[in-house]
Amino acid sequence: MKRFSQLFQQVDATTSTNEKVRALRQYFYDETPENAVWAIYLFLGKPESD
């Protein structure tokens, strides 16, 4: 979770799309598939219920 927190801070700290993509690309390249799936879930957020 620490690595995800660092990723979130990196993405949040910049307005540069290229920097955001770079940080995300590096995270998903280095991270295990199990953790990467959770990161995707957290970035997408919880869907609204009807």
N, C-alpha and C. Protein backbone atom coordinates (compact mmCIF):
# COMPACT_ATOMS: atom_id res chain seq x y z
N MET A 1 0.82 -1.19 0.00
CA MET A 1 0.00 0.00 0.00
C MET A 1 0.86 1.26 0.00
N LYS A 2 2.06 1.13 0.53
CA LYS A 2 2.96 2.28 0.57
C LYS A 2 3.31 2.74 -0.85
N ARG A 3 3.56 1.78 -1.73
CA ARG A 3 3.90 2.15 -3.12
C ARG A 3 2.72 2.82 -3.81
N PHE A 4 1.50 2.35 -3.53
CA PHE A 4 0.33 2.98 -4.11
C PHE A 4 0.17 4.40 -3.59
N SER A 5 0.42 4.59 -2.31
CA SER A 5 0.34 5.94 -1.73
C SER A 5 1.34 6.88 -2.39
N GLN A 6 2.53 6.38 -2.64
CA GLN A 6 3.54 7.20 -3.32
C GLN A 6 3.09 7.52 -4.73
N LEU A 7 2.53 6.53 -5.42
CA LEU A 7 2.02 6.77 -6.78
C LEU A 7 0.93 7.83 -6.76
N PHE A 8 0.00 7.71 -5.84
CA PHE A 8 -1.10 8.66 -5.77
C PHE A 8 -0.58 10.07 -5.54
N GLN A 9 0.40 10.20 -4.66
CA GLN A 9 0.99 11.52 -4.40
C GLN A 9 1.68 12.07 -5.65
N GLN A 10 2.40 11.21 -6.37
CA GLN A 10 3.06 11.66 -7.60
C GLN A 10 2.05 12.15 -8.62
N VAL A 11 0.99 11.39 -8.81
CA VAL A 11 -0.03 11.75 -9.80
C VAL A 11 -0.76 13.03 -9.37
N ASP A 12 -1.03 13.14 -8.11
CA ASP A 12 -1.75 14.30 -7.59
C ASP A 12 -0.91 15.57 -7.59
N ALA A 13 0.40 15.41 -7.52
CA ALA A 13 1.30 16.57 -7.36
C ALA A 13 1.61 17.29 -8.67
N THR A 14 1.19 16.73 -9.80
CA THR A 14 1.54 17.36 -11.07
C THR A 14 0.30 17.58 -11.93
N THR A 15 0.39 18.61 -12.76
CA THR A 15 -0.68 18.84 -13.74
C THR A 15 -0.27 18.32 -15.11
N SER A 16 0.96 17.84 -15.22
CA SER A 16 1.48 17.34 -16.49
C SER A 16 0.94 15.94 -16.78
N THR A 17 0.22 15.81 -17.86
CA THR A 17 -0.28 14.50 -18.25
C THR A 17 0.87 13.53 -18.50
N ASN A 18 1.93 14.01 -19.12
CA ASN A 18 3.08 13.14 -19.39
C ASN A 18 3.71 12.61 -18.11
N GLU A 19 3.80 13.44 -17.08
CA GLU A 19 4.36 13.00 -15.80
C GLU A 19 3.43 11.98 -15.13
N LYS A 20 2.14 12.20 -15.23
CA LYS A 20 1.18 11.26 -14.67
C LYS A 20 1.30 9.90 -15.36
N VAL A 21 1.36 9.93 -16.68
CA VAL A 21 1.49 8.68 -17.45
C VAL A 21 2.79 7.98 -17.12
N ARG A 22 3.87 8.74 -17.00
CA ARG A 22 5.17 8.16 -16.64
C ARG A 22 5.11 7.45 -15.29
N ALA A 23 4.52 8.11 -14.30
CA ALA A 23 4.41 7.53 -12.96
C ALA A 23 3.55 6.27 -12.98
N LEU A 24 2.42 6.34 -13.66
CA LEU A 24 1.54 5.17 -13.76
C LEU A 24 2.21 4.02 -14.49
N ARG A 25 2.87 4.32 -15.59
CA ARG A 25 3.55 3.28 -16.37
C ARG A 25 4.60 2.58 -15.52
N GLN A 26 5.39 3.35 -14.79
CA GLN A 26 6.43 2.76 -13.96
C GLN A 26 5.83 1.92 -12.84
N TYR A 27 4.78 2.41 -12.23
CA TYR A 27 4.13 1.66 -11.16
C TYR A 27 3.63 0.31 -11.67
N PHE A 28 2.90 0.32 -12.78
CA PHE A 28 2.32 -0.92 -13.28
C PHE A 28 3.39 -1.86 -13.86
N TYR A 29 4.48 -1.33 -14.30
CA TYR A 29 5.59 -2.17 -14.77
C TYR A 29 6.24 -2.90 -13.60
N ASP A 30 6.41 -2.20 -12.48
CA ASP A 30 7.12 -2.75 -11.32
C ASP A 30 6.24 -3.57 -10.38
N GLU A 31 4.96 -3.27 -10.34
CA GLU A 31 4.08 -3.85 -9.33
C GLU A 31 3.62 -5.25 -9.72
N THR A 32 3.28 -6.03 -8.70
CA THR A 32 2.73 -7.37 -8.93
C THR A 32 1.32 -7.23 -9.50
N PRO A 33 0.88 -8.20 -10.28
CA PRO A 33 -0.48 -8.12 -10.84
C PRO A 33 -1.56 -8.00 -9.77
N GLU A 34 -1.37 -8.68 -8.65
CA GLU A 34 -2.36 -8.62 -7.58
C GLU A 34 -2.52 -7.20 -7.04
N ASN A 35 -1.43 -6.51 -6.84
CA ASN A 35 -1.48 -5.13 -6.34
C ASN A 35 -1.91 -4.16 -7.43
N ALA A 36 -1.53 -4.43 -8.66
CA ALA A 36 -1.91 -3.55 -9.77
C ALA A 36 -3.42 -3.51 -9.94
N VAL A 37 -4.07 -4.65 -9.77
CA VAL A 37 -5.53 -4.70 -9.89
C VAL A 37 -6.18 -3.82 -8.83
N TRP A 38 -5.67 -3.86 -7.61
CA TRP A 38 -6.21 -3.01 -6.55
C TRP A 38 -5.99 -1.54 -6.86
N ALA A 39 -4.85 -1.21 -7.43
CA ALA A 39 -4.58 0.19 -7.78
C ALA A 39 -5.59 0.68 -8.82
N ILE A 40 -5.86 -0.15 -9.81
CA ILE A 40 -6.85 0.22 -10.83
C ILE A 40 -8.22 0.43 -10.17
N TYR A 41 -8.60 -0.49 -9.31
CA TYR A 41 -9.88 -0.39 -8.61
C TYR A 41 -9.98 0.91 -7.81
N LEU A 42 -8.91 1.23 -7.09
CA LEU A 42 -8.93 2.44 -6.27
C LEU A 42 -8.95 3.71 -7.11
N PHE A 43 -8.23 3.72 -8.22
CA PHE A 43 -8.23 4.90 -9.09
C PHE A 43 -9.59 5.10 -9.77
N LEU A 44 -10.27 4.01 -10.09
CA LEU A 44 -11.56 4.12 -10.74
C LEU A 44 -12.66 4.55 -9.78
N GLY A 45 -12.49 4.25 -8.52
CA GLY A 45 -13.48 4.65 -7.53
C GLY A 45 -14.65 3.69 -7.48
N LYS A 46 -15.45 3.84 -6.46
CA LYS A 46 -16.60 2.99 -6.26
C LYS A 46 -17.75 3.49 -7.15
N PRO A 47 -18.35 2.58 -7.92
CA PRO A 47 -19.48 3.01 -8.75
C PRO A 47 -20.67 3.43 -7.90
N GLU A 48 -21.39 4.39 -8.38
CA GLU A 48 -22.59 4.86 -7.68
C GLU A 48 -23.68 3.80 -7.80
N SER A 49 -24.40 3.59 -6.74
CA SER A 49 -25.53 2.65 -6.80
C SER A 49 -26.79 3.41 -7.18
N ASP A 50 -27.67 2.73 -7.86
CA ASP A 50 -28.92 3.37 -8.29
C ASP A 50 -29.96 3.37 -7.22
